Amino acid sequence: MVQIKPLAVFFADAHLDIHKWRDRPELKYDSMHAFSYICKWAIDHRVSDIFGAGDLVDVREPHSSVIRFVRDEMEQLYCKRVKFWYIQGQHGWSNPPWLEAAHHWPQWLHQDAAVIDGNYEVYGLDWQPADVLEDELVAMKERQSHILLCHQVWEEFMGSHGQPEGSWTQIPSVDAVFTGDYHKTEHIKDFKYGASGQPLEILSPGSTNIREISEDPKKYFFVLYDGFVWKKVRIPTRMVIRNRIEEEIEFEELIANWSDTMDMVREHNVGYYESWNQDDLPELLRKPILQLVFSDGIKKFRSRAKSLLAEEAHLFFKVIEEEGDDDEHEELVARRKIIERGIEGCLELTVPKNDKRYAPLLRLIKAKDKKAELLKMKEERFGSKTEQTAAKVDGVRRGRGGPTQRPDR
């Protein structure tokens, strides 16, 4: 049987940091391990290119240890001549990209294209606000690229309530869209029509590591094979166990059976999945996450759970107080994710992305020198002071019916 050749690796939303939860500093290195695994997979399988679809880091000014880690990974890719192409999402956006200062090897792909194996062109586009995205998509129509590499909030994923920045029906020319931002793994092969009437293949890898306790702990990246065939590859991750406790007996059973649960965790860690090796999951990631969901009447067992299980697992608690609380919780999680992005996230809560005020406000927020940027924006709209003065003089002249004259004294 002839095996098809893997050509390129695609991933998104690595959100590289030391630890995601500040109140659990010992729960760390999940994002770094996932990224290292992706790079190692690419090297081991001799692919020519890696493409990152935004949010490589979690903040715009990453910790020095994160920068050092990225530099070391890029050095390995450089030594093996595995090209690394990337675009920027909202979390790590800067101009110029901070990654340019970390290492010479990664290549920024915004408004530019790369060709895989001499056959497939990938066009890159940084995250764009809604009013700019539409123009950017129109501008790429003539390129006839095969893949759009992007990082956007799409209406088809988030619905209208999620303040989408665009729709797949706006995307021209390309055959496939590889998008970041959406933290769920999706592979849609039969979306009907893009802007040019073409069928679209939509690929969302999801985040490479768990960013919210409610996320699916199974994480993936995609590989493009010869013949334009896509396959997802699972990333070895920390085990997540979820238990709902509604009666006292269920809690007692959890405690009584905990040794069997830990046996399952150890099996998971040393190669529960056939494609994993024992060394795929480092020691720091072998302690599982345990989420206990209590009904309101049984939440008294939280303190006992801490005393009995804190050494065995990273504990998360959730209390369901009444019918419909799950929906409220998800809404709060979504809102918190926006707020965690700082002032830019708070802007989204007050000004919709499709509002004409959003783009200039976002531009002002991102500017390092607010005063200089505000003056620049004023000049762009009203012209420079010289131009304004000339316009006033011209207006005065026209109002008097001729050139101004100095009055006689």
Protein backbone atom coordinates (compact mmCIF):
# COMPACT_ATOMS: atom_id res chain seq x y z
CA MET A 1 0.00 0.00 0.00
CA VAL A 2 1.40 3.38 -1.06
CA GLN A 3 1.43 5.93 1.74
CA ILE A 4 0.71 9.53 0.83
CA LYS A 5 3.31 12.08 1.79
CA PRO A 6 2.73 14.56 4.65
CA LEU A 7 3.50 18.04 3.36
CA ALA A 8 2.72 20.57 6.09
CA VAL A 9 1.50 20.92 9.66
CA PHE A 10 -1.21 23.44 10.58
CA PHE A 11 -2.16 24.48 14.13
CA ALA A 12 -3.66 27.45 16.00
CA ASP A 13 -4.18 28.94 19.45
CA ALA A 14 -1.10 27.62 21.23
CA HIS A 15 -1.46 30.46 23.79
CA LEU A 16 2.06 29.83 25.05
CA ASP A 17 2.41 30.69 28.72
CA ILE A 18 3.87 29.18 31.87
CA HIS A 19 0.50 28.48 33.46
CA LYS A 20 -3.06 29.30 32.47
CA TRP A 21 -4.65 29.54 35.93
CA ARG A 22 -2.96 32.11 38.16
CA ASP A 23 -4.48 30.60 41.31
CA ARG A 24 -2.95 27.23 40.38
CA PRO A 25 0.72 28.03 39.58
CA GLU A 26 1.66 24.35 39.89
CA LEU A 27 -0.62 23.53 36.93
CA LYS A 28 1.89 24.55 34.27
CA TYR A 29 3.75 23.86 31.02
CA ASP A 30 0.74 22.34 29.21
CA SER A 31 0.95 24.88 26.38
CA MET A 32 4.71 24.51 25.97
CA HIS A 33 4.55 20.73 25.86
CA ALA A 34 1.86 20.80 23.17
CA PHE A 35 3.86 23.18 21.00
CA SER A 36 7.04 21.12 21.40
CA TYR A 37 5.10 18.03 20.37
CA ILE A 38 3.86 19.73 17.18
CA CYS A 39 7.38 20.85 16.22
CA LYS A 40 8.86 17.43 16.98
CA TRP A 41 6.15 15.70 14.93
CA ALA A 42 6.95 17.92 11.96
CA ILE A 43 10.67 17.19 12.24
CA ASP A 44 10.20 13.44 12.71
CA HIS A 45 7.85 13.20 9.71
CA ARG A 46 10.04 15.43 7.54
CA VAL A 47 7.38 17.90 6.56
CA SER A 48 8.61 21.07 4.88
CA ASP A 49 6.38 23.66 6.53
CA ILE A 50 4.52 24.52 9.74
CA PHE A 51 1.72 27.10 9.68
CA GLY A 52 0.41 28.82 12.82
CA ALA A 53 -3.05 30.42 12.61
CA GLY A 54 -2.68 33.04 15.32
CA ASP A 55 -2.46 33.41 19.11
CA LEU A 56 0.91 31.72 19.40
CA VAL A 57 1.25 33.47 22.76
CA ASP A 58 -1.40 34.38 25.31
CA VAL A 59 -0.44 38.02 25.88
CA ARG A 60 1.18 40.80 23.86
CA GLU A 61 4.19 40.99 26.14
CA PRO A 62 5.06 37.36 26.90
CA HIS A 63 7.24 36.34 29.83
CA SER A 64 10.96 36.11 29.09
CA SER A 65 10.93 32.35 29.71
CA VAL A 66 8.22 31.97 27.04
CA ILE A 67 10.33 33.95 24.55
CA ARG A 68 13.35 31.82 25.39
CA PHE A 69 11.30 28.67 24.88
CA VAL A 70 10.04 29.87 21.47
CA ARG A 71 13.57 30.80 20.43
CA ASP A 72 14.85 27.31 21.30
CA GLU A 73 12.02 25.66 19.34
CA MET A 74 12.68 27.91 16.32
CA GLU A 75 16.36 27.06 16.47
CA GLN A 76 15.52 23.35 16.21
CA LEU A 77 13.24 23.99 13.23
CA TYR A 78 15.95 26.13 11.63
CA CYS A 79 18.55 23.39 12.04
CA LYS A 80 16.19 20.88 10.40
CA ARG A 81 15.07 23.42 7.75
CA VAL A 82 11.38 23.10 8.64
CA LYS A 83 9.93 26.47 7.67
CA PHE A 84 7.67 28.20 10.20
CA TRP A 85 4.99 30.55 8.88
CA TYR A 86 2.60 32.45 11.12
CA ILE A 87 -0.13 35.06 11.33
CA GLN A 88 -1.22 37.01 14.41
CA GLY A 89 -4.42 36.70 16.41
CA GLN A 90 -5.84 39.18 18.91
CA HIS A 91 -3.86 37.92 21.91
CA GLY A 92 -0.33 38.39 20.62
CA TRP A 93 -0.86 41.12 18.02
CA SER A 94 1.89 43.71 17.64
CA ASN A 95 3.45 45.66 14.80
CA PRO A 96 6.08 44.58 14.02
CA PRO A 97 5.39 41.11 15.44
CA TRP A 98 7.28 40.34 18.63
CA LEU A 99 8.31 36.99 17.09
CA GLU A 100 10.63 38.85 14.71
CA ALA A 101 12.78 39.75 17.71
CA ALA A 102 12.82 36.21 19.10
CA HIS A 103 14.44 34.44 16.11
CA HIS A 104 15.20 35.04 12.43
CA TRP A 105 13.57 31.81 11.21
CA PRO A 106 9.78 32.33 11.59
CA GLN A 107 8.13 34.18 8.68
CA TRP A 108 5.17 36.54 9.09
CA LEU A 109 2.55 35.75 6.44
CA HIS A 110 0.11 38.66 6.81
CA GLN A 111 -1.09 39.79 3.33
CA ASP A 112 1.46 37.44 1.82
CA ALA A 113 1.61 33.87 0.54
CA ALA A 114 3.73 30.74 0.84
CA VAL A 115 3.73 27.75 -1.50
CA ILE A 116 3.78 24.18 -0.18
CA ASP A 117 5.61 21.57 -2.24
CA GLY A 118 5.37 23.79 -5.33
CA ASN A 119 1.61 23.11 -5.55
CA TYR A 120 -0.52 24.71 -2.85
CA GLU A 121 -0.49 28.44 -2.12
CA VAL A 122 -1.33 29.55 1.43
CA TYR A 123 -2.43 33.16 1.85
CA GLY A 124 -2.11 34.62 5.35
CA LEU A 125 -4.23 37.25 7.04
CA ASP A 126 -3.78 38.55 10.58
CA TRP A 127 -6.87 38.99 12.73
CA GLN A 128 -8.95 41.86 11.33
CA PRO A 129 -11.88 43.85 12.78
CA ALA A 130 -15.15 43.32 10.93
CA ASP A 131 -15.06 46.50 8.83
CA VAL A 132 -11.50 45.81 7.64
CA LEU A 133 -11.93 42.06 7.08
CA GLU A 134 -14.43 42.53 4.27
CA ASP A 135 -12.01 44.74 2.30
CA GLU A 136 -9.12 42.34 2.92
CA LEU A 137 -11.12 39.40 1.57
CA VAL A 138 -12.09 41.34 -1.55
CA ALA A 139 -8.44 42.29 -2.10
CA MET A 140 -7.27 38.65 -2.10
CA LYS A 141 -9.78 37.62 -4.78
CA GLU A 142 -7.27 37.87 -7.63
CA ARG A 143 -4.61 35.72 -5.96
CA GLN A 144 -6.28 32.36 -6.62
CA SER A 145 -4.70 30.86 -3.48
CA HIS A 146 -5.65 27.36 -2.35
CA ILE A 147 -5.74 27.97 1.43
CA LEU A 148 -6.64 31.00 3.55
CA LEU A 149 -4.77 31.04 6.87
CA CYS A 150 -6.70 33.30 9.25
CA HIS A 151 -7.82 34.00 12.81
CA GLN A 152 -11.37 35.32 13.03
CA VAL A 153 -14.70 35.07 14.84
CA TRP A 154 -16.90 33.49 12.15
CA GLU A 155 -20.66 33.74 12.14
CA GLU A 156 -21.02 30.07 11.21
CA PHE A 157 -19.21 29.04 14.40
CA MET A 158 -20.39 31.66 16.90
CA GLY A 159 -23.77 32.79 15.56
CA SER A 160 -24.88 36.40 15.51
CA HIS A 161 -24.81 36.67 19.35
CA GLY A 162 -21.05 36.13 19.33
CA GLN A 163 -20.40 39.43 17.49
CA PRO A 164 -18.91 37.72 14.41
CA GLU A 165 -16.38 39.56 12.26
CA GLY A 166 -17.26 37.78 9.05
CA SER A 167 -18.93 34.89 7.24
CA TRP A 168 -17.50 32.13 5.08
CA THR A 169 -19.78 33.34 2.29
CA GLN A 170 -17.47 36.38 2.00
CA ILE A 171 -14.36 34.30 1.27
CA PRO A 172 -13.39 34.26 -2.42
CA SER A 173 -11.30 31.93 -4.55
CA VAL A 174 -9.72 29.56 -2.02
CA ASP A 175 -10.53 25.87 -1.62
CA ALA A 176 -9.92 25.64 2.13
CA VAL A 177 -10.04 27.95 5.15
CA PHE A 178 -7.77 27.16 8.09
CA THR A 179 -8.84 29.33 10.99
CA GLY A 180 -7.82 30.02 14.55
CA ASP A 181 -9.80 31.66 17.39
CA TYR A 182 -12.47 28.95 17.76
CA HIS A 183 -11.23 26.62 20.51
CA LYS A 184 -13.05 23.58 19.18
CA THR A 185 -11.84 21.07 16.60
CA GLU A 186 -13.99 21.13 13.46
CA HIS A 187 -13.47 19.79 9.94
CA ILE A 188 -16.31 20.77 7.61
CA LYS A 189 -15.84 19.34 4.13
CA ASP A 190 -19.06 20.40 2.46
CA PHE A 191 -19.77 24.06 3.21
CA LYS A 192 -21.79 25.03 0.15
CA TYR A 193 -20.49 28.27 -1.28
CA GLY A 194 -17.85 30.90 -0.80
CA ALA A 195 -17.99 34.38 -2.35
CA SER A 196 -16.92 33.03 -5.75
CA GLY A 197 -19.51 30.27 -5.69
CA GLN A 198 -16.86 27.70 -4.81
CA PRO A 199 -17.32 24.91 -2.22
CA LEU A 200 -15.20 25.43 0.89
CA GLU A 201 -13.41 23.06 3.23
CA ILE A 202 -13.29 24.60 6.73
CA LEU A 203 -10.67 23.51 9.28
CA SER A 204 -10.54 24.69 12.87
CA PRO A 205 -7.94 22.79 14.93
CA GLY A 206 -9.02 24.28 18.25
CA SER A 207 -6.54 25.23 20.95
CA THR A 208 -3.52 22.99 21.46
CA ASN A 209 -4.04 22.85 25.23
CA ILE A 210 -7.00 23.29 27.57
CA ARG A 211 -7.69 27.00 28.12
CA GLU A 212 -10.99 26.73 29.99
CA ILE A 213 -12.07 23.92 32.28
CA SER A 214 -15.19 23.46 30.15
CA GLU A 215 -13.17 22.67 27.00
CA ASP A 216 -12.78 19.23 25.47
CA PRO A 217 -9.37 17.97 26.72
CA LYS A 218 -8.75 16.15 23.42
CA LYS A 219 -6.52 18.47 21.38
CA TYR A 220 -5.37 18.26 17.76
CA PHE A 221 -3.42 19.78 14.91
CA PHE A 222 -3.94 19.11 11.20
CA VAL A 223 -1.60 17.71 8.58
CA LEU A 224 -1.93 18.41 4.86
CA TYR A 225 -0.99 15.43 2.71
CA ASP A 226 -0.17 15.12 -0.96
CA GLY A 227 -3.38 15.23 -2.99
CA PHE A 228 -4.87 17.97 -0.75
CA VAL A 229 -5.93 15.49 1.92
CA TRP A 230 -6.28 16.71 5.51
CA LYS A 231 -5.94 14.55 8.63
CA LYS A 232 -5.97 15.53 12.29
CA VAL A 233 -3.34 14.33 14.76
CA ARG A 234 -4.02 14.14 18.46
CA ILE A 235 -1.67 15.88 20.91
CA PRO A 236 -0.76 14.01 24.12
CA THR A 237 -2.32 16.08 26.91
CA ARG A 238 -2.92 16.04 30.64
CA MET A 239 -5.86 13.83 31.58
CA VAL A 240 -9.09 15.55 32.63
CA ILE A 241 -11.65 13.71 34.81
CA ARG A 242 -15.12 15.13 35.34
CA ASN A 243 -17.56 13.87 37.98
CA ARG A 244 -21.04 15.16 38.79
CA ILE A 245 -21.99 14.64 42.43
CA GLU A 246 -25.69 14.91 43.21
CA GLU A 247 -25.95 12.55 46.17
CA GLU A 248 -23.71 11.75 49.10
CA ILE A 249 -23.28 8.13 48.00
CA GLU A 250 -21.78 9.28 44.69
CA PHE A 251 -19.07 11.18 46.52
CA GLU A 252 -18.31 8.18 48.74
CA GLU A 253 -18.02 5.98 45.65
CA LEU A 254 -15.60 8.44 44.08
CA ILE A 255 -13.34 8.27 47.14
CA ALA A 256 -13.62 4.47 47.44
CA ASN A 257 -12.73 3.95 43.78
CA TRP A 258 -10.02 6.59 43.57
CA SER A 259 -7.16 4.08 43.41
CA ASP A 260 -8.75 2.51 40.31
CA THR A 261 -9.13 5.98 38.83
CA MET A 262 -5.43 6.67 39.37
CA ASP A 263 -4.56 3.35 37.71
CA MET A 264 -6.50 4.58 34.69
CA VAL A 265 -4.56 7.86 34.81
CA ARG A 266 -1.23 6.02 34.91
CA GLU A 267 -2.30 3.89 31.96
CA HIS A 268 -3.22 7.06 30.09
CA ASN A 269 0.17 8.58 30.89
CA VAL A 270 2.32 5.67 29.70
CA GLY A 271 0.68 5.07 26.36
CA TYR A 272 -3.06 4.55 26.67
CA TYR A 273 -3.37 5.64 23.06
CA GLU A 274 -1.55 3.36 20.65
CA SER A 275 0.31 6.16 18.90
CA TRP A 276 1.83 7.49 22.12
CA ASN A 277 5.10 6.55 23.76
CA GLN A 278 5.77 6.62 27.48
CA ASP A 279 7.90 9.73 27.11
CA ASP A 280 5.22 11.70 25.24
CA LEU A 281 3.79 13.07 28.48
CA PRO A 282 6.40 14.58 30.82
CA GLU A 283 6.25 14.12 34.56
CA LEU A 284 4.84 17.60 35.18
CA LEU A 285 1.76 16.75 33.08
CA ARG A 286 0.98 13.40 34.65
CA LYS A 287 -1.04 14.79 37.54
CA PRO A 288 -4.62 14.93 36.21
CA ILE A 289 -7.25 17.64 36.43
CA LEU A 290 -10.35 16.61 38.41
CA GLN A 291 -13.49 18.70 38.04
CA LEU A 292 -16.21 17.99 40.56
CA VAL A 293 -19.65 19.37 39.75
CA PHE A 294 -21.78 19.49 42.90
CA SER A 295 -25.48 20.05 43.23
CA ASP A 296 -26.26 22.85 45.65
CA GLY A 297 -27.27 20.47 48.43
CA ILE A 298 -24.04 18.45 48.34
CA LYS A 299 -21.45 21.25 48.03
CA LYS A 300 -20.47 20.65 51.68
CA PHE A 301 -18.10 17.95 50.38
CA ARG A 302 -15.81 20.47 48.70
CA SER A 303 -13.55 20.81 51.75
CA ARG A 304 -13.39 17.05 52.21
CA ALA A 305 -12.51 16.59 48.54
CA LYS A 306 -9.64 19.06 48.99
CA SER A 307 -8.28 17.25 52.02
CA LEU A 308 -8.46 13.81 50.37
CA LEU A 309 -7.60 14.50 46.71
CA ALA A 310 -5.54 17.70 46.47
CA GLU A 311 -2.27 15.76 46.32
CA GLU A 312 -3.64 13.41 43.67
CA ALA A 313 -5.18 15.89 41.22
CA HIS A 314 -5.59 19.54 40.30
CA LEU A 315 -9.08 20.25 41.66
CA PHE A 316 -11.77 22.38 40.05
CA PHE A 317 -15.22 22.85 41.57
CA LYS A 318 -18.54 23.93 40.17
CA VAL A 319 -21.87 24.17 41.99
CA ILE A 320 -25.14 23.84 40.07
CA GLU A 321 -27.67 25.84 42.05
CA GLU A 322 -30.73 25.67 39.85
CA GLU A 323 -32.09 24.69 36.46
CA GLY A 324 -30.43 26.62 33.67
CA ASP A 325 -27.30 27.46 35.65
CA ASP A 326 -25.15 25.67 33.07
CA ASP A 327 -26.17 28.21 30.42
CA GLU A 328 -25.39 31.09 32.76
CA HIS A 329 -22.01 29.56 33.53
CA GLU A 330 -21.12 29.27 29.84
CA GLU A 331 -22.12 32.89 29.30
CA LEU A 332 -19.90 33.98 32.20
CA VAL A 333 -16.99 31.92 30.82
CA ALA A 334 -17.37 33.54 27.40
CA ARG A 335 -17.56 36.99 28.99
CA ARG A 336 -14.50 36.32 31.15
CA LYS A 337 -12.50 35.22 28.09
CA ILE A 338 -13.22 38.59 26.49
CA ILE A 339 -12.35 40.54 29.65
CA GLU A 340 -9.09 38.59 30.09
CA ARG A 341 -7.87 40.22 26.89
CA GLY A 342 -7.75 43.51 28.77
CA ILE A 343 -8.98 46.84 27.48
CA GLU A 344 -9.40 45.44 23.96
CA GLY A 345 -11.75 42.77 25.27
CA CYS A 346 -13.69 45.34 27.30
CA LEU A 347 -14.10 47.39 24.12
CA GLU A 348 -15.95 44.44 22.56
CA LEU A 349 -18.43 44.48 25.44
CA THR A 350 -19.31 48.12 24.85
CA VAL A 351 -18.92 48.67 21.09
CA PRO A 352 -19.97 45.94 18.60
CA LYS A 353 -17.28 44.95 16.11
CA ASN A 354 -19.49 45.90 13.19
CA ASP A 355 -19.89 49.44 14.56
CA LYS A 356 -17.94 52.05 12.57
CA ARG A 357 -16.44 53.36 15.83
CA TYR A 358 -14.83 50.01 16.67
CA ALA A 359 -11.86 50.09 14.25
CA PRO A 360 -10.58 53.58 15.20
CA LEU A 361 -11.03 52.88 18.91
CA LEU A 362 -9.14 49.59 18.57
CA ARG A 363 -6.39 51.35 16.63
CA LEU A 364 -6.04 53.89 19.41
CA ILE A 365 -5.94 51.18 22.07
CA LYS A 366 -3.15 49.32 20.26
CA ALA A 367 -1.02 52.44 19.72
CA LYS A 368 1.97 52.81 22.04
CA ASP A 369 1.93 56.61 21.70
CA LYS A 370 -1.76 57.48 22.08
CA LYS A 371 -1.26 61.23 21.57
CA ALA A 372 0.72 60.80 18.36
CA GLU A 373 -1.77 58.26 17.02
CA LEU A 374 -4.70 60.55 17.83
CA LEU A 375 -3.05 63.41 15.94
CA LYS A 376 -2.35 61.11 13.02
CA MET A 377 -5.99 59.98 12.92
CA LYS A 378 -7.13 63.61 13.07
CA GLU A 379 -4.88 64.50 10.13
CA GLU A 380 -6.15 61.51 8.15
CA ARG A 381 -9.71 62.69 8.60
CA PHE A 382 -9.42 66.47 8.49
CA GLY A 383 -6.01 67.02 6.87
CA SER A 384 -2.88 68.60 8.34
CA LYS A 385 -2.88 71.99 10.04
CA THR A 386 -1.44 73.55 6.88
CA GLU A 387 -4.20 72.00 4.79
CA GLN A 388 -6.85 73.14 7.29
CA THR A 389 -5.49 76.71 7.27
CA ALA A 390 -5.41 76.75 3.48
CA ALA A 391 -9.00 75.52 3.36
CA LYS A 392 -10.13 78.24 5.77
CA VAL A 393 -8.38 80.95 3.76
CA ASP A 394 -9.89 79.61 0.58
CA GLY A 395 -13.32 79.64 2.20
CA VAL A 396 -12.90 83.22 3.33
CA ARG A 397 -11.81 84.25 -0.14
CA ARG A 398 -14.76 82.58 -1.76
CA GLY A 399 -17.11 84.16 0.76
CA ARG A 400 -15.89 87.64 -0.18
CA GLY A 401 -16.09 86.95 -3.87
CA GLY A 402 -12.38 87.41 -4.49
CA PRO A 403 -8.92 87.41 -2.96
CA THR A 404 -8.60 88.90 0.49
CA GLN A 405 -7.13 92.39 0.69
CA ARG A 406 -5.51 94.22 3.51
CA PRO A 407 -7.87 96.96 4.74
CA ASP A 408 -6.76 100.57 4.34
CA ARG A 409 -5.81 102.36 7.49
